[in-house]
Amino acid sequence: MGLFSALLGNAGAVSQDELQKKYGQLLTDGETIELGFKLLRDTFIFTNKRLILIDIQGLTGSKTEYKSIAYKAISRFSVETAGTFELDAELKIWVSSESNPSIKKQFNKSVNVYEVQKVLAHHVLK
């Protein structure tokens, strides 16, 4: 992921091995990482059981919030692909019956948003 893209807030894919090494202690027994993305300081991970959002807070980055969202709590989601002249694609996730998306993430063009949609659909539609 390029620095310019990261500064704009676009997410880039992160390898499963890298995510496992850094965040493996967050996983429950039998839980595996399927897909993960990193923003400049934040990370979000799709596992076989839930969505984990890692929010690095403060100027020093010494405080971290780990948010866990069960797939069954996701009521709907949308994926918007990048256009010809646009730099990014966008993912929106609604949790429970909220009228506005609870989560909005932007991806750079290197991310296959169809793969993101496929993982979400697989888990949400169970």
Protein backbone atom coordinates (compact mmCIF):
# COMPACT_ATOMS: atom_id res chain seq x y z
CA MET A 1 0.00 0.00 0.00
CA GLY A 2 1.46 3.36 -0.99
CA LEU A 3 1.95 6.15 1.52
CA PHE A 4 -0.22 8.56 -0.51
CA SER A 5 -3.07 6.06 -0.54
CA ALA A 6 -2.64 5.43 3.20
CA LEU A 7 -2.70 9.15 3.95
CA LEU A 8 -6.01 9.41 2.11
CA GLY A 9 -7.39 6.74 4.45
CA ASN A 10 -7.60 3.94 1.92
CA ALA A 11 -7.16 0.40 3.13
CA GLY A 12 -4.79 -2.13 1.62
CA ALA A 13 -4.79 -5.90 2.02
CA VAL A 14 -2.58 -7.47 4.72
CA SER A 15 -1.33 -11.05 4.65
CA GLN A 16 -2.97 -13.62 6.92
CA ASP A 17 0.43 -14.54 8.38
CA GLU A 18 1.17 -10.94 9.37
CA LEU A 19 -2.26 -10.55 10.96
CA GLN A 20 -1.94 -13.88 12.79
CA LYS A 21 1.42 -12.87 14.28
CA LYS A 22 0.20 -9.47 15.42
CA TYR A 23 -3.40 -10.22 16.47
CA GLY A 24 -3.55 -14.00 16.97
CA GLN A 25 -4.14 -13.52 20.72
CA LEU A 26 -7.55 -11.98 19.90
CA LEU A 27 -8.84 -15.17 18.29
CA THR A 28 -10.92 -17.82 20.03
CA ASP A 29 -10.37 -21.57 19.69
CA GLY A 30 -11.17 -22.63 16.13
CA GLU A 31 -11.26 -19.05 14.85
CA THR A 32 -9.21 -18.28 11.75
CA ILE A 33 -8.40 -15.11 9.85
CA GLU A 34 -9.84 -15.06 6.34
CA LEU A 35 -9.09 -11.53 5.13
CA GLY A 36 -7.60 -8.38 6.62
CA PHE A 37 -6.95 -4.76 5.71
CA LYS A 38 -4.86 -1.98 7.17
CA LEU A 39 -5.40 1.75 7.10
CA LEU A 40 -2.63 4.11 8.14
CA ARG A 41 -2.97 3.12 11.83
CA ASP A 42 -6.13 1.00 11.99
CA THR A 43 -6.77 -2.59 10.93
CA PHE A 44 -9.89 -4.64 10.30
CA ILE A 45 -10.02 -8.40 10.10
CA PHE A 46 -12.63 -10.80 8.75
CA THR A 47 -12.47 -14.12 10.62
CA ASN A 48 -14.60 -17.21 10.17
CA LYS A 49 -16.66 -16.08 13.21
CA ARG A 50 -16.72 -12.25 13.34
CA LEU A 51 -15.41 -8.93 12.13
CA ILE A 52 -12.66 -7.40 14.31
CA LEU A 53 -11.92 -3.67 14.07
CA ILE A 54 -8.66 -2.46 15.59
CA ASP A 55 -8.63 1.29 16.25
CA ILE A 56 -5.30 2.84 17.26
CA GLN A 57 -6.10 5.95 19.32
CA GLY A 58 -4.27 9.06 20.48
CA LEU A 59 -1.23 10.85 19.14
CA THR A 60 1.22 8.26 20.44
CA GLY A 61 -0.88 5.27 19.40
CA SER A 62 -0.45 3.70 22.82
CA LYS A 63 -4.19 3.17 23.32
CA THR A 64 -6.01 0.60 21.19
CA GLU A 65 -9.68 -0.33 20.94
CA TYR A 66 -10.58 -3.82 19.71
CA LYS A 67 -14.17 -3.93 18.48
CA SER A 68 -15.79 -7.27 17.71
CA ILE A 69 -18.93 -7.53 15.58
CA ALA A 70 -20.70 -10.85 15.19
CA TYR A 71 -21.76 -11.46 11.60
CA LYS A 72 -25.32 -12.13 12.79
CA ALA A 73 -25.47 -8.51 14.04
CA ILE A 74 -24.84 -7.17 10.53
CA SER A 75 -28.20 -6.33 9.00
CA ARG A 76 -26.92 -5.18 5.60
CA PHE A 77 -23.82 -3.99 3.77
CA SER A 78 -22.83 -2.34 0.53
CA VAL A 79 -19.70 -2.37 -1.56
CA GLU A 80 -19.11 0.46 -4.01
CA THR A 81 -16.47 -0.17 -6.65
CA ALA A 82 -13.95 2.44 -7.71
CA GLY A 83 -14.81 4.24 -10.92
CA THR A 84 -12.49 5.05 -13.77
CA PHE A 85 -11.32 8.34 -12.26
CA GLU A 86 -11.80 7.47 -8.58
CA LEU A 87 -9.00 6.28 -6.32
CA ASP A 88 -10.96 4.07 -4.00
CA ALA A 89 -13.82 1.67 -3.38
CA GLU A 90 -16.01 1.84 -0.27
CA LEU A 91 -17.51 -0.68 2.14
CA LYS A 92 -20.45 0.26 4.36
CA ILE A 93 -21.81 -2.01 7.10
CA TRP A 94 -25.02 -1.53 9.07
CA VAL A 95 -25.21 -3.18 12.48
CA SER A 96 -28.64 -4.26 13.80
CA SER A 97 -31.37 -1.81 12.80
CA GLU A 98 -29.33 1.39 12.57
CA SER A 99 -30.40 3.77 9.82
CA ASN A 100 -26.85 4.95 9.04
CA PRO A 101 -23.87 2.70 8.40
CA SER A 102 -22.00 1.81 11.60
CA ILE A 103 -18.79 1.18 9.68
CA LYS A 104 -17.39 2.87 6.58
CA LYS A 105 -14.05 1.83 5.11
CA GLN A 106 -12.31 2.87 1.91
CA PHE A 107 -10.08 0.55 -0.11
CA ASN A 108 -7.41 1.41 -2.64
CA LYS A 109 -7.64 -0.13 -6.11
CA SER A 110 -5.29 -2.97 -5.17
CA VAL A 111 -8.05 -4.52 -3.04
CA ASN A 112 -10.52 -6.84 -4.74
CA VAL A 113 -13.80 -5.48 -3.32
CA TYR A 114 -15.64 -8.44 -4.80
CA GLU A 115 -13.62 -10.70 -2.47
CA VAL A 116 -14.62 -8.49 0.50
CA GLN A 117 -18.27 -8.72 -0.56
CA LYS A 118 -17.98 -12.48 -0.98
CA VAL A 119 -16.59 -12.99 2.54
CA LEU A 120 -19.26 -10.76 4.09
CA ALA A 121 -22.08 -12.38 2.12
CA HIS A 122 -20.86 -15.86 3.05
CA HIS A 123 -21.02 -15.09 6.77
CA VAL A 124 -24.01 -12.74 6.92
CA LEU A 125 -26.26 -14.99 4.83
CA LYS A 126 -25.69 -18.12 6.96
